[in-house]
């Protein structure tokens, strides 16, 4: 178990009229299944990118864990789903890849098909498999439900509920309720961390 500590985080875009974050401080446990919520345009994806070190900012972000951002870039990693998974997760054994594909509710045979021929939902679920086959990281999952149908969302949410160590951005409240156990809320004047899923946070709000 380790922590992600954010202290006095201040960030604004060069062409923005005001800062996105102003002296924000909070701590996260890397074992949590964390839902990230806030109104549109309030900085959810920006926060994920700041954690990844994609922008310069004032303040400090400290963590022993490496941050892995979803969705992955897959260009040049191979043609089939299995080739891409091996390229993203070279430390994972084939049996581990097969296990995770089964756990996320896919037929393992699709991994042998050309990745570009798979549906958007199948690609999404394969990339989530890759995310949790990577070692020693903390996952930053940005809107994974965009290409999932209702059944795919339910299966994927249940899959995430059995994992740990991630921040999840989603507009699907039922998905957040199933998949998360803590909530990180970007409010108008601060960032707040609460124990519990989306419904628990919303009731407290």
Protein backbone atom coordinates (compact mmCIF):
# COMPACT_ATOMS: atom_id res chain seq x y z
CA UNK A 1 0.00 0.00 0.00
CA UNK A 2 1.23 3.50 -0.84
CA UNK A 3 -0.16 6.98 -1.23
CA UNK A 4 -0.50 9.60 -3.91
CA UNK A 5 -0.02 12.98 -2.26
CA UNK A 6 -1.00 16.18 -4.02
CA UNK A 7 -0.04 19.45 -2.31
CA UNK A 8 -0.90 22.99 -3.34
CA UNK A 9 -1.65 22.01 -6.93
CA UNK A 10 -2.18 25.09 -9.06
CA UNK A 11 -2.71 24.91 -12.81
CA UNK A 12 -4.27 27.01 -15.53
CA UNK A 13 -4.18 26.86 -19.31
CA UNK A 14 -2.25 29.71 -21.00
CA UNK A 15 -5.38 30.98 -22.74
CA UNK A 16 -7.68 30.48 -19.75
CA UNK A 17 -9.27 33.32 -17.77
CA UNK A 18 -8.82 31.55 -14.44
CA UNK A 19 -6.94 28.59 -13.02
CA UNK A 20 -8.44 25.11 -13.28
CA UNK A 21 -6.98 24.23 -9.87
CA UNK A 22 -5.88 26.62 -7.14
CA UNK A 23 -3.80 25.32 -4.21
CA UNK A 24 -5.57 21.93 -4.23
CA UNK A 25 -4.29 19.34 -1.73
CA UNK A 26 -5.45 15.77 -1.15
CA UNK A 27 -4.18 12.24 -0.53
CA UNK A 28 -5.20 8.99 -2.23
CA UNK A 29 -4.47 5.37 -1.38
CA UNK A 30 -3.17 3.38 -4.35
CA UNK A 31 -5.41 0.44 -3.38
CA UNK A 32 -8.61 2.44 -3.79
CA UNK A 33 -11.12 2.11 -6.61
CA UNK A 34 -11.72 5.79 -7.03
CA UNK A 35 -14.46 7.51 -9.00
CA UNK A 36 -13.59 11.00 -10.24
CA UNK A 37 -16.64 13.26 -10.51
CA UNK A 38 -17.33 16.90 -11.27
CA UNK A 39 -19.26 19.06 -13.69
CA UNK A 40 -18.24 19.06 -17.34
CA UNK A 41 -15.27 21.28 -18.01
CA UNK A 42 -14.16 21.34 -14.37
CA UNK A 43 -10.88 19.51 -14.93
CA UNK A 44 -11.36 15.74 -14.64
CA UNK A 45 -9.28 14.80 -17.68
CA UNK A 46 -6.89 17.67 -16.90
CA UNK A 47 -6.25 16.19 -13.46
CA UNK A 48 -5.45 12.79 -14.98
CA UNK A 49 -2.97 14.43 -17.34
CA UNK A 50 -1.37 16.38 -14.49
CA UNK A 51 -0.88 13.13 -12.57
CA UNK A 52 0.82 11.76 -15.69
CA UNK A 53 3.12 14.77 -15.84
CA UNK A 54 1.83 15.97 -19.22
CA UNK A 55 1.57 19.62 -18.12
CA UNK A 56 3.74 21.88 -16.02
CA UNK A 57 2.12 23.00 -12.77
CA UNK A 58 2.82 24.64 -9.43
CA UNK A 59 2.79 22.49 -6.30
CA UNK A 60 3.82 18.86 -5.88
CA UNK A 61 2.48 15.45 -6.87
CA UNK A 62 4.25 12.53 -5.21
CA UNK A 63 3.71 8.80 -5.71
CA UNK A 64 5.83 5.66 -5.76
CA UNK A 65 3.50 4.17 -8.37
CA UNK A 66 3.74 4.66 -12.13
CA UNK A 67 0.61 6.11 -13.72
CA UNK A 68 -0.94 4.28 -16.68
CA UNK A 69 -3.46 6.23 -18.76
CA UNK A 70 -6.41 4.61 -20.51
CA UNK A 71 -7.03 4.53 -23.44
CA UNK A 72 -3.64 3.31 -24.67
CA UNK A 73 -1.98 4.17 -27.93
CA UNK A 74 -1.68 0.93 -29.91
CA UNK A 75 0.07 2.05 -33.09
CA UNK A 76 3.01 -0.13 -34.08
CA UNK A 77 2.38 -2.79 -31.44
CA UNK A 78 1.11 -5.48 -33.82
CA UNK A 79 -1.93 -6.42 -35.83
CA UNK A 80 -3.80 -8.94 -33.71
CA UNK A 81 -5.28 -8.30 -30.30
CA UNK A 82 -2.85 -10.76 -28.72
CA UNK A 83 0.16 -9.10 -30.34
CA UNK A 84 -0.95 -5.73 -29.02
CA UNK A 85 -1.52 -7.12 -25.52
CA UNK A 86 1.92 -8.70 -25.53
CA UNK A 87 3.42 -5.41 -26.70
CA UNK A 88 1.70 -3.43 -23.97
CA UNK A 89 2.37 -6.01 -21.24
CA UNK A 90 5.62 -7.83 -22.08
CA UNK A 91 5.92 -9.05 -18.49
CA UNK A 92 2.57 -10.89 -18.60
CA UNK A 93 2.48 -14.61 -19.42
CA UNK A 94 0.04 -15.81 -22.08
CA UNK A 95 -2.01 -17.67 -19.47
CA UNK A 96 -2.47 -14.42 -17.54
CA UNK A 97 -3.66 -12.66 -20.68
CA UNK A 98 -6.15 -15.48 -21.38
CA UNK A 99 -7.40 -15.37 -17.77
CA UNK A 100 -8.08 -11.63 -17.90
CA UNK A 101 -9.80 -11.85 -21.29
CA UNK A 102 -12.15 -14.45 -19.83
CA UNK A 103 -12.72 -12.38 -16.68
CA UNK A 104 -13.83 -9.37 -18.71
CA UNK A 105 -16.36 -11.53 -20.54
CA UNK A 106 -14.76 -11.89 -23.95
CA UNK A 107 -14.21 -15.01 -26.04
CA UNK A 108 -10.44 -15.52 -25.97
CA UNK A 109 -10.51 -16.30 -29.71
CA UNK A 110 -11.05 -12.64 -30.53
CA UNK A 111 -7.50 -11.93 -29.37
CA UNK A 112 -6.27 -13.75 -32.46
CA UNK A 113 -8.21 -11.49 -34.81
CA UNK A 114 -7.00 -8.31 -36.40
CA UNK A 115 -7.39 -5.59 -33.79
CA UNK A 116 -8.75 -3.09 -36.31
CA UNK A 117 -11.54 -5.53 -37.25
CA UNK A 118 -12.86 -5.75 -33.69
CA UNK A 119 -15.77 -3.67 -32.49
CA UNK A 120 -15.04 -0.54 -30.46
CA UNK A 121 -16.43 -2.30 -27.39
CA UNK A 122 -14.18 -5.32 -27.86
CA UNK A 123 -11.14 -3.08 -28.28
CA UNK A 124 -12.06 -1.15 -25.15
CA UNK A 125 -12.31 -4.29 -23.06
CA UNK A 126 -9.05 -5.71 -24.41
CA UNK A 127 -7.28 -2.47 -23.53
CA UNK A 128 -8.68 -2.62 -20.00
CA UNK A 129 -7.22 -6.12 -19.77
CA UNK A 130 -3.84 -4.65 -20.71
CA UNK A 131 -4.23 -1.98 -18.05
CA UNK A 132 -4.50 -4.51 -15.25
CA UNK A 133 -1.79 -6.81 -16.59
CA UNK A 134 0.80 -4.06 -16.17
CA UNK A 135 2.84 -4.31 -12.98
CA UNK A 136 3.26 -1.77 -10.22
CA UNK A 137 1.08 0.94 -11.65
CA UNK A 138 -1.94 3.07 -10.81
CA UNK A 139 -4.53 3.21 -13.57
CA UNK A 140 -6.11 6.43 -14.83
CA UNK A 141 -9.24 5.35 -16.72
CA UNK A 142 -10.90 8.07 -18.80
CA UNK A 143 -14.46 7.38 -20.00
CA UNK A 144 -14.24 3.62 -20.75
CA UNK A 145 -17.99 3.23 -21.37
CA UNK A 146 -18.25 5.35 -24.53
CA UNK A 147 -18.32 2.31 -26.85
CA UNK A 148 -19.88 -0.28 -24.54
CA UNK A 149 -23.47 -1.47 -24.79
CA UNK A 150 -25.55 -2.06 -21.65
CA UNK A 151 -24.37 -5.64 -21.21
CA UNK A 152 -20.75 -4.68 -21.84
CA UNK A 153 -20.98 -1.91 -19.25
CA UNK A 154 -22.34 -4.26 -16.61
CA UNK A 155 -19.63 -6.87 -17.26
CA UNK A 156 -16.87 -4.28 -17.33
CA UNK A 157 -18.07 -2.61 -14.13
CA UNK A 158 -18.06 -5.99 -12.36
CA UNK A 159 -14.56 -6.64 -13.73
CA UNK A 160 -13.29 -3.34 -12.31
CA UNK A 161 -14.98 -4.05 -8.97
CA UNK A 162 -12.61 -7.00 -8.54
CA UNK A 163 -9.54 -4.85 -9.21
CA UNK A 164 -7.86 -2.10 -7.18
CA UNK A 165 -5.66 0.89 -7.71
CA UNK A 166 -7.38 3.17 -10.21
CA UNK A 167 -9.14 6.46 -10.83
CA UNK A 168 -12.22 6.14 -13.04
CA UNK A 169 -13.90 8.97 -14.96
CA UNK A 170 -17.38 8.10 -16.20
CA UNK A 171 -20.74 9.81 -16.67
CA UNK A 172 -22.50 6.49 -16.03
CA UNK A 173 -23.65 6.60 -12.41
CA UNK A 174 -24.55 2.91 -12.23
CA UNK A 175 -21.11 2.05 -13.62
CA UNK A 176 -19.42 4.18 -10.95
CA UNK A 177 -21.58 2.67 -8.21
CA UNK A 178 -20.54 -0.88 -9.12
CA UNK A 179 -16.89 -0.22 -9.87
CA UNK A 180 -15.73 2.21 -7.17
CA UNK A 181 -15.35 2.37 -3.40
CA UNK A 182 -14.13 5.98 -2.99
CA UNK A 183 -15.03 9.24 -4.70
CA UNK A 184 -12.80 12.18 -5.65
CA UNK A 185 -14.98 15.21 -6.27
CA UNK A 186 -13.84 18.34 -8.10
CA UNK A 187 -16.03 21.02 -6.54
CA UNK A 188 -16.35 24.71 -7.30
CA UNK A 189 -13.78 25.77 -4.69
CA UNK A 190 -11.95 22.60 -3.65
CA UNK A 191 -11.21 18.92 -4.30
CA UNK A 192 -12.72 16.49 -1.82
CA UNK A 193 -12.16 12.77 -1.15
CA UNK A 194 -14.89 10.61 0.39
CA UNK A 195 -15.28 6.96 1.29
CA UNK A 196 -18.02 5.32 -0.76
CA UNK A 197 -19.29 5.10 -4.33
CA UNK A 198 -21.12 7.72 -6.41
CA UNK A 199 -24.52 7.26 -4.75
CA UNK A 200 -22.96 7.57 -1.30
CA UNK A 201 -21.15 10.76 -2.33
CA UNK A 202 -24.29 12.19 -3.95
CA UNK A 203 -26.39 11.52 -0.87
CA UNK A 204 -23.81 13.21 1.34
CA UNK A 205 -23.70 16.16 -1.05
